[in-house]
């Protein structure tokens, strides 16, 4: 009898995280992490519960939400402990949390705000390390996968801010390091989307969004559906590790 696998998704109640949850919902048990909006998290769980369970040996509970401040190392460890207590295993971890402040990338005065550097480094680098460390034992047992959400800004300088771009580059390299350290039983990969028109992406002015689209080779922005589908592909692949997949319409070329 095949055991139904479990995925944990941080920042999973809206935007890309919610779409990733939808992609896994038919045949995985899903845990979403959220920071503060319990109503939105419960609404997503209600939506997911309507998804037909296509796994041949369905198990309960199917869905669970955990409120966690992922900027806190002890809280990340507590989140993983709760995930195991509820579901009993972890097979895929999608480390999707991050942070930035919208600035003029070309303005160095805006690029030297120390608080931005500190928070970007915590949210875009440390949180992924802490989650990998907390989940390692369980992913090792299941020969599982860790996927982190970075950004094309970590590949080609640009985007919302200098500290964001630099820490996203660090996040990509962190994932490569973890792929080496956690081999051979755990696969670690990264997705790097271009601008996504999520609630956060819509905060960019119209001109910036249009310029982002025009900078792509395909003349279209990636969608959360595009990125979520690739996250699932990386989770299921038994042969890919240490890879950073740019899903950006070719803007990084």
C-alpha atoms as a PDB file:
ATOM      1  CA  UNK A   1       0.000   0.000   0.000  1.00  0.00           C
ATOM      2  CA  UNK A   2       1.486   3.362  -1.028  1.00  0.00           C
ATOM      3  CA  UNK A   3       1.590   6.017   1.675  1.00  0.00           C
ATOM      4  CA  UNK A   4       0.171   9.428   0.836  1.00  0.00           C
ATOM      5  CA  UNK A   5       3.013  11.934   0.917  1.00  0.00           C
ATOM      6  CA  UNK A   6       3.054  15.248   2.786  1.00  0.00           C
ATOM      7  CA  UNK A   7       4.112  18.693   1.560  1.00  0.00           C
ATOM      8  CA  UNK A   8       4.764  21.719   3.784  1.00  0.00           C
ATOM      9  CA  UNK A   9       4.559  25.141   2.112  1.00  0.00           C
ATOM     10  CA  UNK A  10       5.664  28.299   3.889  1.00  0.00           C
ATOM     11  CA  UNK A  11       3.902  31.572   3.043  1.00  0.00           C
ATOM     12  CA  UNK A  12       1.277  29.213   1.679  1.00  0.00           C
ATOM     13  CA  UNK A  13      -2.029  31.017   2.169  1.00  0.00           C
ATOM     14  CA  UNK A  14      -1.982  33.374  -0.837  1.00  0.00           C
ATOM     15  CA  UNK A  15      -0.272  34.126  -4.141  1.00  0.00           C
ATOM     16  CA  UNK A  16       2.313  31.611  -5.309  1.00  0.00           C
ATOM     17  CA  UNK A  17       2.187  29.596  -2.086  1.00  0.00           C
ATOM     18  CA  UNK A  18      -1.563  29.042  -2.411  1.00  0.00           C
ATOM     19  CA  UNK A  19      -1.197  27.990  -6.047  1.00  0.00           C
ATOM     20  CA  UNK A  20       1.515  25.503  -5.066  1.00  0.00           C
ATOM     21  CA  UNK A  21      -0.900  24.089  -2.469  1.00  0.00           C
ATOM     22  CA  UNK A  22      -3.554  23.678  -5.168  1.00  0.00           C
ATOM     23  CA  UNK A  23      -1.120  21.818  -7.436  1.00  0.00           C
ATOM     24  CA  UNK A  24      -0.228  19.320  -4.706  1.00  0.00           C
ATOM     25  CA  UNK A  25      -3.730  18.955  -3.207  1.00  0.00           C
ATOM     26  CA  UNK A  26      -5.076  16.098  -5.381  1.00  0.00           C
ATOM     27  CA  UNK A  27      -2.553  13.472  -4.289  1.00  0.00           C
ATOM     28  CA  UNK A  28      -0.511  14.948  -1.408  1.00  0.00           C
ATOM     29  CA  UNK A  29      -1.504  15.863   2.120  1.00  0.00           C
ATOM     30  CA  UNK A  30      -0.827  19.592   2.416  1.00  0.00           C
ATOM     31  CA  UNK A  31       0.337  21.811   5.287  1.00  0.00           C
ATOM     32  CA  UNK A  32       0.265  25.550   4.665  1.00  0.00           C
ATOM     33  CA  UNK A  33       2.148  27.995   6.845  1.00  0.00           C
ATOM     34  CA  UNK A  34       0.891  31.547   7.219  1.00  0.00           C
ATOM     35  CA  UNK A  35       2.138  34.600   9.107  1.00  0.00           C
ATOM     36  CA  UNK A  36      -1.002  36.305  10.452  1.00  0.00           C
ATOM     37  CA  UNK A  37      -4.109  36.096   8.257  1.00  0.00           C
ATOM     38  CA  UNK A  38      -5.953  33.125   9.733  1.00  0.00           C
ATOM     39  CA  UNK A  39      -9.145  33.891   7.799  1.00  0.00           C
ATOM     40  CA  UNK A  40      -7.325  33.663   4.480  1.00  0.00           C
ATOM     41  CA  UNK A  41      -5.593  30.432   5.519  1.00  0.00           C
ATOM     42  CA  UNK A  42      -8.869  28.827   6.599  1.00  0.00           C
ATOM     43  CA  UNK A  43     -10.504  29.942   3.366  1.00  0.00           C
ATOM     44  CA  UNK A  44      -7.783  28.212   1.363  1.00  0.00           C
ATOM     45  CA  UNK A  45      -8.134  25.025   3.424  1.00  0.00           C
ATOM     46  CA  UNK A  46     -11.870  25.064   2.731  1.00  0.00           C
ATOM     47  CA  UNK A  47     -11.145  25.422  -0.986  1.00  0.00           C
ATOM     48  CA  UNK A  48      -8.572  22.625  -0.949  1.00  0.00           C
ATOM     49  CA  UNK A  49     -10.958  20.304   0.868  1.00  0.00           C
ATOM     50  CA  UNK A  50     -13.169  20.344  -2.230  1.00  0.00           C
ATOM     51  CA  UNK A  51     -10.344  18.875  -4.324  1.00  0.00           C
ATOM     52  CA  UNK A  52     -10.970  15.210  -5.203  1.00  0.00           C
ATOM     53  CA  UNK A  53      -8.411  12.938  -3.530  1.00  0.00           C
ATOM     54  CA  UNK A  54      -6.778  11.002  -6.362  1.00  0.00           C
ATOM     55  CA  UNK A  55      -4.317   9.067  -4.210  1.00  0.00           C
ATOM     56  CA  UNK A  56      -4.990   5.299  -4.227  1.00  0.00           C
ATOM     57  CA  UNK A  57      -4.615   5.095  -0.440  1.00  0.00           C
ATOM     58  CA  UNK A  58      -5.964   8.405   0.921  1.00  0.00           C
ATOM     59  CA  UNK A  59      -5.114   9.310   4.497  1.00  0.00           C
ATOM     60  CA  UNK A  60      -6.341  11.825   7.032  1.00  0.00           C
ATOM     61  CA  UNK A  61      -5.914  14.588   7.885  1.00  0.00           C
ATOM     62  CA  UNK A  62      -5.534  15.865   4.342  1.00  0.00           C
ATOM     63  CA  UNK A  63      -4.944  19.553   5.091  1.00  0.00           C
ATOM     64  CA  UNK A  64      -3.598  21.591   7.986  1.00  0.00           C
ATOM     65  CA  UNK A  65      -2.562  25.221   8.581  1.00  0.00           C
ATOM     66  CA  UNK A  66       0.172  26.409  10.953  1.00  0.00           C
ATOM     67  CA  UNK A  67       0.652  30.029  11.985  1.00  0.00           C
ATOM     68  CA  UNK A  68       4.387  30.732  12.239  1.00  0.00           C
ATOM     69  CA  UNK A  69       6.736  33.689  12.169  1.00  0.00           C
ATOM     70  CA  UNK A  70       9.387  32.126   9.935  1.00  0.00           C
ATOM     71  CA  UNK A  71      11.840  34.917  10.822  1.00  0.00           C
ATOM     72  CA  UNK A  72      12.204  33.137  14.194  1.00  0.00           C
ATOM     73  CA  UNK A  73      14.466  30.091  14.248  1.00  0.00           C
ATOM     74  CA  UNK A  74      12.713  28.485  17.261  1.00  0.00           C
ATOM     75  CA  UNK A  75       9.328  29.079  15.583  1.00  0.00           C
ATOM     76  CA  UNK A  76      10.506  27.307  12.421  1.00  0.00           C
ATOM     77  CA  UNK A  77      11.569  24.283  14.472  1.00  0.00           C
ATOM     78  CA  UNK A  78       8.214  24.320  16.289  1.00  0.00           C
ATOM     79  CA  UNK A  79       6.400  24.462  12.936  1.00  0.00           C
ATOM     80  CA  UNK A  80       8.187  21.360  11.681  1.00  0.00           C
ATOM     81  CA  UNK A  81       7.495  19.587  14.977  1.00  0.00           C
ATOM     82  CA  UNK A  82       3.776  20.374  14.625  1.00  0.00           C
ATOM     83  CA  UNK A  83       3.792  19.196  11.016  1.00  0.00           C
ATOM     84  CA  UNK A  84       5.218  15.845  12.100  1.00  0.00           C
ATOM     85  CA  UNK A  85       2.834  15.583  15.051  1.00  0.00           C
ATOM     86  CA  UNK A  86      -0.164  16.119  12.765  1.00  0.00           C
ATOM     87  CA  UNK A  87       0.898  14.288   9.604  1.00  0.00           C
ATOM     88  CA  UNK A  88       3.592  11.876  10.771  1.00  0.00           C
ATOM     89  CA  UNK A  89       6.018  12.526   7.915  1.00  0.00           C
ATOM     90  CA  UNK A  90       7.432  15.113   5.498  1.00  0.00           C
ATOM     91  CA  UNK A  91       8.219  14.367   1.866  1.00  0.00           C
ATOM     92  CA  UNK A  92       8.398  17.810   0.256  1.00  0.00           C
ATOM     93  CA  UNK A  93       9.149  21.195   1.808  1.00  0.00           C
ATOM     94  CA  UNK A  94       8.544  24.333  -0.242  1.00  0.00           C
ATOM     95  CA  UNK A  95      10.335  27.245   1.426  1.00  0.00           C
ATOM     96  CA  UNK A  96       8.422  30.090  -0.164  1.00  0.00           C
ATOM     97  CA  UNK A  97       8.743  32.967   2.325  1.00  0.00           C
ATOM     98  CA  UNK A  98      10.664  36.123   1.483  1.00  0.00           C
ATOM     99  CA  UNK A  99      10.724  39.877   1.941  1.00  0.00           C
ATOM    100  CA  UNK A 100      11.574  43.061   0.110  1.00  0.00           C
ATOM    101  CA  UNK A 101      10.836  46.782   0.124  1.00  0.00           C
ATOM    102  CA  UNK A 102      10.041  48.494  -3.156  1.00  0.00           C
ATOM    103  CA  UNK A 103      12.794  50.982  -4.012  1.00  0.00           C
ATOM    104  CA  UNK A 104      14.487  52.539  -7.009  1.00  0.00           C
ATOM    105  CA  UNK A 105      17.153  49.903  -7.702  1.00  0.00           C
ATOM    106  CA  UNK A 106      19.432  52.496  -9.357  1.00  0.00           C
ATOM    107  CA  UNK A 107      19.392  54.813  -6.348  1.00  0.00           C
ATOM    108  CA  UNK A 108      22.298  53.777  -4.113  1.00  0.00           C
ATOM    109  CA  UNK A 109      20.971  55.955  -1.297  1.00  0.00           C
ATOM    110  CA  UNK A 110      17.972  53.624  -1.186  1.00  0.00           C
ATOM    111  CA  UNK A 111      20.272  50.610  -1.444  1.00  0.00           C
ATOM    112  CA  UNK A 112      22.178  51.223   1.785  1.00  0.00           C
ATOM    113  CA  UNK A 113      19.328  51.117   4.298  1.00  0.00           C
ATOM    114  CA  UNK A 114      20.699  48.804   6.963  1.00  0.00           C
ATOM    115  CA  UNK A 115      17.296  47.617   8.161  1.00  0.00           C
ATOM    116  CA  UNK A 116      16.475  46.454   4.628  1.00  0.00           C
ATOM    117  CA  UNK A 117      19.688  44.431   4.454  1.00  0.00           C
ATOM    118  CA  UNK A 118      19.062  42.822   7.832  1.00  0.00           C
ATOM    119  CA  UNK A 119      15.467  41.850   7.100  1.00  0.00           C
ATOM    120  CA  UNK A 120      16.231  40.699   3.551  1.00  0.00           C
ATOM    121  CA  UNK A 121      19.058  38.504   4.812  1.00  0.00           C
ATOM    122  CA  UNK A 122      16.870  37.010   7.523  1.00  0.00           C
ATOM    123  CA  UNK A 123      13.863  36.355   5.294  1.00  0.00           C
ATOM    124  CA  UNK A 124      15.608  35.506   2.027  1.00  0.00           C
ATOM    125  CA  UNK A 125      18.497  33.433   3.360  1.00  0.00           C
ATOM    126  CA  UNK A 126      18.283  32.426   7.015  1.00  0.00           C
ATOM    127  CA  UNK A 127      14.673  31.251   6.959  1.00  0.00           C
ATOM    128  CA  UNK A 128      15.476  28.730   4.224  1.00  0.00           C
ATOM    129  CA  UNK A 129      18.524  27.473   6.123  1.00  0.00           C
ATOM    130  CA  UNK A 130      16.574  27.090   9.364  1.00  0.00           C
ATOM    131  CA  UNK A 131      13.771  25.228   7.616  1.00  0.00           C
ATOM    132  CA  UNK A 132      16.196  22.904   5.839  1.00  0.00           C
ATOM    133  CA  UNK A 133      17.920  22.177   9.147  1.00  0.00           C
ATOM    134  CA  UNK A 134      14.653  21.558  11.009  1.00  0.00           C
ATOM    135  CA  UNK A 135      13.224  19.305   8.279  1.00  0.00           C
ATOM    136  CA  UNK A 136      16.407  17.455   7.361  1.00  0.00           C
ATOM    137  CA  UNK A 137      15.809  14.360   9.506  1.00  0.00           C
ATOM    138  CA  UNK A 138      12.311  13.853   8.090  1.00  0.00           C
ATOM    139  CA  UNK A 139      13.246  14.543   4.472  1.00  0.00           C
ATOM    140  CA  UNK A 140      16.166  12.168   4.846  1.00  0.00           C
ATOM    141  CA  UNK A 141      13.808   9.435   6.043  1.00  0.00           C
ATOM    142  CA  UNK A 142      11.471   9.930   3.079  1.00  0.00           C
ATOM    143  CA  UNK A 143      14.205  10.652   0.510  1.00  0.00           C
ATOM    144  CA  UNK A 144      12.365  13.896  -0.008  1.00  0.00           C
ATOM    145  CA  UNK A 145      12.829  17.258  -1.653  1.00  0.00           C
ATOM    146  CA  UNK A 146      13.332  20.864  -0.567  1.00  0.00           C
ATOM    147  CA  UNK A 147      12.448  23.610  -3.050  1.00  0.00           C
ATOM    148  CA  UNK A 148      13.044  27.274  -2.252  1.00  0.00           C
ATOM    149  CA  UNK A 149      11.502  30.253  -4.039  1.00  0.00           C
ATOM    150  CA  UNK A 150      14.172  32.752  -5.078  1.00  0.00           C
ATOM    151  CA  UNK A 151      13.929  35.341  -7.865  1.00  0.00           C
ATOM    152  CA  UNK A 152      15.353  36.252 -11.234  1.00  0.00           C
ATOM    153  CA  UNK A 153      16.719  39.274  -9.337  1.00  0.00           C
ATOM    154  CA  UNK A 154      19.217  36.852  -7.801  1.00  0.00           C
ATOM    155  CA  UNK A 155      20.465  35.905 -11.271  1.00  0.00           C
ATOM    156  CA  UNK A 156      20.410  39.241 -13.104  1.00  0.00           C
ATOM    157  CA  UNK A 157      20.798  42.388 -10.948  1.00  0.00           C
ATOM    158  CA  UNK A 158      17.567  44.346 -10.762  1.00  0.00           C
ATOM    159  CA  UNK A 159      14.154  44.148  -9.205  1.00  0.00           C
ATOM    160  CA  UNK A 160      12.750  45.757  -6.114  1.00  0.00           C
ATOM    161  CA  UNK A 161      15.969  46.574  -4.266  1.00  0.00           C
ATOM    162  CA  UNK A 162      19.698  45.952  -4.081  1.00  0.00           C
ATOM    163  CA  UNK A 163      19.502  44.022  -0.780  1.00  0.00           C
ATOM    164  CA  UNK A 164      16.723  41.867  -2.219  1.00  0.00           C
ATOM    165  CA  UNK A 165      18.750  40.999  -5.332  1.00  0.00           C
ATOM    166  CA  UNK A 166      21.908  40.242  -3.364  1.00  0.00           C
ATOM    167  CA  UNK A 167      20.150  38.080  -0.770  1.00  0.00           C
ATOM    168  CA  UNK A 168      18.240  36.210  -3.476  1.00  0.00           C
ATOM    169  CA  UNK A 169      21.604  35.411  -5.095  1.00  0.00           C
ATOM    170  CA  UNK A 170      22.759  34.170  -1.697  1.00  0.00           C
ATOM    171  CA  UNK A 171      19.610  32.070  -1.386  1.00  0.00           C
ATOM    172  CA  UNK A 172      20.309  30.384  -4.725  1.00  0.00           C
ATOM    173  CA  UNK A 173      23.851  29.567  -3.643  1.00  0.00           C
ATOM    174  CA  UNK A 174      22.600  28.364  -0.255  1.00  0.00           C
ATOM    175  CA  UNK A 175      20.364  25.857  -2.023  1.00  0.00           C
ATOM    176  CA  UNK A 176      23.330  24.587  -4.031  1.00  0.00           C
ATOM    177  CA  UNK A 177      25.310  24.196  -0.805  1.00  0.00           C
ATOM    178  CA  UNK A 178      22.435  22.340   0.837  1.00  0.00           C
ATOM    179  CA  UNK A 179      22.164  20.080  -2.206  1.00  0.00           C
ATOM    180  CA  UNK A 180      25.772  19.027  -1.603  1.00  0.00           C
ATOM    181  CA  UNK A 181      25.407  18.675   2.170  1.00  0.00           C
ATOM    182  CA  UNK A 182      22.067  16.833   2.153  1.00  0.00           C
ATOM    183  CA  UNK A 183      22.877  14.392  -0.671  1.00  0.00           C
ATOM    184  CA  UNK A 184      22.330  11.610  -1.490  1.00  0.00           C
ATOM    185  CA  UNK A 185      18.880  11.231   0.109  1.00  0.00           C
ATOM    186  CA  UNK A 186      17.507  14.796  -0.138  1.00  0.00           C
ATOM    187  CA  UNK A 187      17.185  16.817  -3.345  1.00  0.00           C
ATOM    188  CA  UNK A 188      17.426  20.606  -3.044  1.00  0.00           C
ATOM    189  CA  UNK A 189      16.446  22.956  -5.858  1.00  0.00           C
ATOM    190  CA  UNK A 190      15.329  26.534  -6.396  1.00  0.00           C
ATOM    191  CA  UNK A 191      12.830  28.282  -8.635  1.00  0.00           C
ATOM    192  CA  UNK A 192      13.498  31.876  -9.676  1.00  0.00           C
ATOM    193  CA  UNK A 193      10.395  33.571 -11.060  1.00  0.00           C
ATOM    194  CA  UNK A 194      10.336  36.868 -12.836  1.00  0.00           C
ATOM    195  CA  UNK A 195       7.747  39.423 -11.771  1.00  0.00           C
ATOM    196  CA  UNK A 196       4.512  37.667 -10.772  1.00  0.00           C
ATOM    197  CA  UNK A 197       1.285  39.656 -10.734  1.00  0.00           C
ATOM    198  CA  UNK A 198       0.326  38.508  -7.252  1.00  0.00           C
ATOM    199  CA  UNK A 199      -1.018  40.855  -4.594  1.00  0.00           C
ATOM    200  CA  UNK A 200       2.591  41.878  -3.979  1.00  0.00           C
ATOM    201  CA  UNK A 201       3.519  42.147  -7.665  1.00  0.00           C
ATOM    202  CA  UNK A 202       0.572  44.444  -8.309  1.00  0.00           C
ATOM    203  CA  UNK A 203       2.183  46.987  -5.990  1.00  0.00           C
ATOM    204  CA  UNK A 204       4.621  47.815  -8.780  1.00  0.00           C
ATOM    205  CA  UNK A 205       3.452  50.778 -10.897  1.00  0.00           C
ATOM    206  CA  UNK A 206       1.923  50.038 -14.296  1.00  0.00           C
ATOM    207  CA  UNK A 207       5.005  51.293 -16.123  1.00  0.00           C
ATOM    208  CA  UNK A 208       7.274  48.961 -14.155  1.00  0.00           C
ATOM    209  CA  UNK A 209       5.031  45.968 -14.853  1.00  0.00           C
ATOM    210  CA  UNK A 210       4.893  46.775 -18.557  1.00  0.00           C
ATOM    211  CA  UNK A 211       8.679  47.219 -18.675  1.00  0.00           C
ATOM    212  CA  UNK A 212       9.110  43.839 -16.980  1.00  0.00           C
ATOM    213  CA  UNK A 213       6.919  42.208 -19.615  1.00  0.00           C
ATOM    214  CA  UNK A 214       8.791  43.907 -22.465  1.00  0.00           C
ATOM    215  CA  UNK A 215      12.135  42.769 -21.032  1.00  0.00           C
ATOM    216  CA  UNK A 216      11.150  39.119 -21.526  1.00  0.00           C
ATOM    217  CA  UNK A 217      11.953  37.244 -24.705  1.00  0.00           C
ATOM    218  CA  UNK A 218       8.431  35.755 -24.760  1.00  0.00           C
ATOM    219  CA  UNK A 219       6.754  39.146 -24.165  1.00  0.00           C
ATOM    220  CA  UNK A 220       4.759  37.690 -21.309  1.00  0.00           C
ATOM    221  CA  UNK A 221       5.194  37.496 -17.556  1.00  0.00           C
ATOM    222  CA  UNK A 222       5.300  34.149 -15.827  1.00  0.00           C
ATOM    223  CA  UNK A 223       2.193  33.201 -13.868  1.00  0.00           C
ATOM    224  CA  UNK A 224       1.816  31.570 -10.469  1.00  0.00           C
ATOM    225  CA  UNK A 225       0.407  28.560 -12.333  1.00  0.00           C
ATOM    226  CA  UNK A 226       3.626  28.306 -14.397  1.00  0.00           C
ATOM    227  CA  UNK A 227       5.813  28.448 -11.303  1.00  0.00           C
ATOM    228  CA  UNK A 228       3.695  26.076  -9.194  1.00  0.00           C
ATOM    229  CA  UNK A 229       3.770  23.479 -11.964  1.00  0.00           C
ATOM    230  CA  UNK A 230       7.576  23.633 -12.030  1.00  0.00           C
ATOM    231  CA  UNK A 231       7.756  23.327  -8.238  1.00  0.00           C
ATOM    232  CA  UNK A 232       5.783  20.099  -8.472  1.00  0.00           C
ATOM    233  CA  UNK A 233       8.044  18.861 -11.275  1.00  0.00           C
ATOM    234  CA  UNK A 234      11.144  19.472  -9.135  1.00  0.00           C
ATOM    235  CA  UNK A 235       9.483  17.785  -6.152  1.00  0.00           C
ATOM    236  CA  UNK A 236       8.771  14.642  -8.140  1.00  0.00           C
ATOM    237  CA  UNK A 237      12.039  14.464 -10.072  1.00  0.00           C
ATOM    238  CA  UNK A 238      14.437  11.876  -8.682  1.00  0.00           C
ATOM    239  CA  UNK A 239      17.397  13.178 -10.694  1.00  0.00           C
ATOM    240  CA  UNK A 240      17.538  16.967 -10.264  1.00  0.00           C
ATOM    241  CA  UNK A 241      19.390  18.597  -7.377  1.00  0.00           C
ATOM    242  CA  UNK A 242      21.344  21.818  -6.936  1.00  0.00           C
ATOM    243  CA  UNK A 243      19.457  23.450  -9.804  1.00  0.00           C
ATOM    244  CA  UNK A 244      18.014  26.942 -10.100  1.00  0.00           C
ATOM    245  CA  UNK A 245      15.148  27.082 -12.569  1.00  0.00           C
ATOM    246  CA  UNK A 246      14.448  30.554 -13.986  1.00  0.00           C
ATOM    247  CA  UNK A 247      10.785  30.959 -14.875  1.00  0.00           C
ATOM    248  CA  UNK A 248      10.969  34.446 -16.300  1.00  0.00           C
ATOM    249  CA  UNK A 249      10.015  34.445 -19.953  1.00  0.00           C
ATOM    250  CA  UNK A 250      13.705  34.620 -20.799  1.00  0.00           C
ATOM    251  CA  UNK A 251      14.320  38.000 -19.146  1.00  0.00           C
ATOM    252  CA  UNK A 252      17.525  36.781 -17.487  1.00  0.00           C
ATOM    253  CA  UNK A 253      19.171  35.847 -20.790  1.00  0.00           C
END
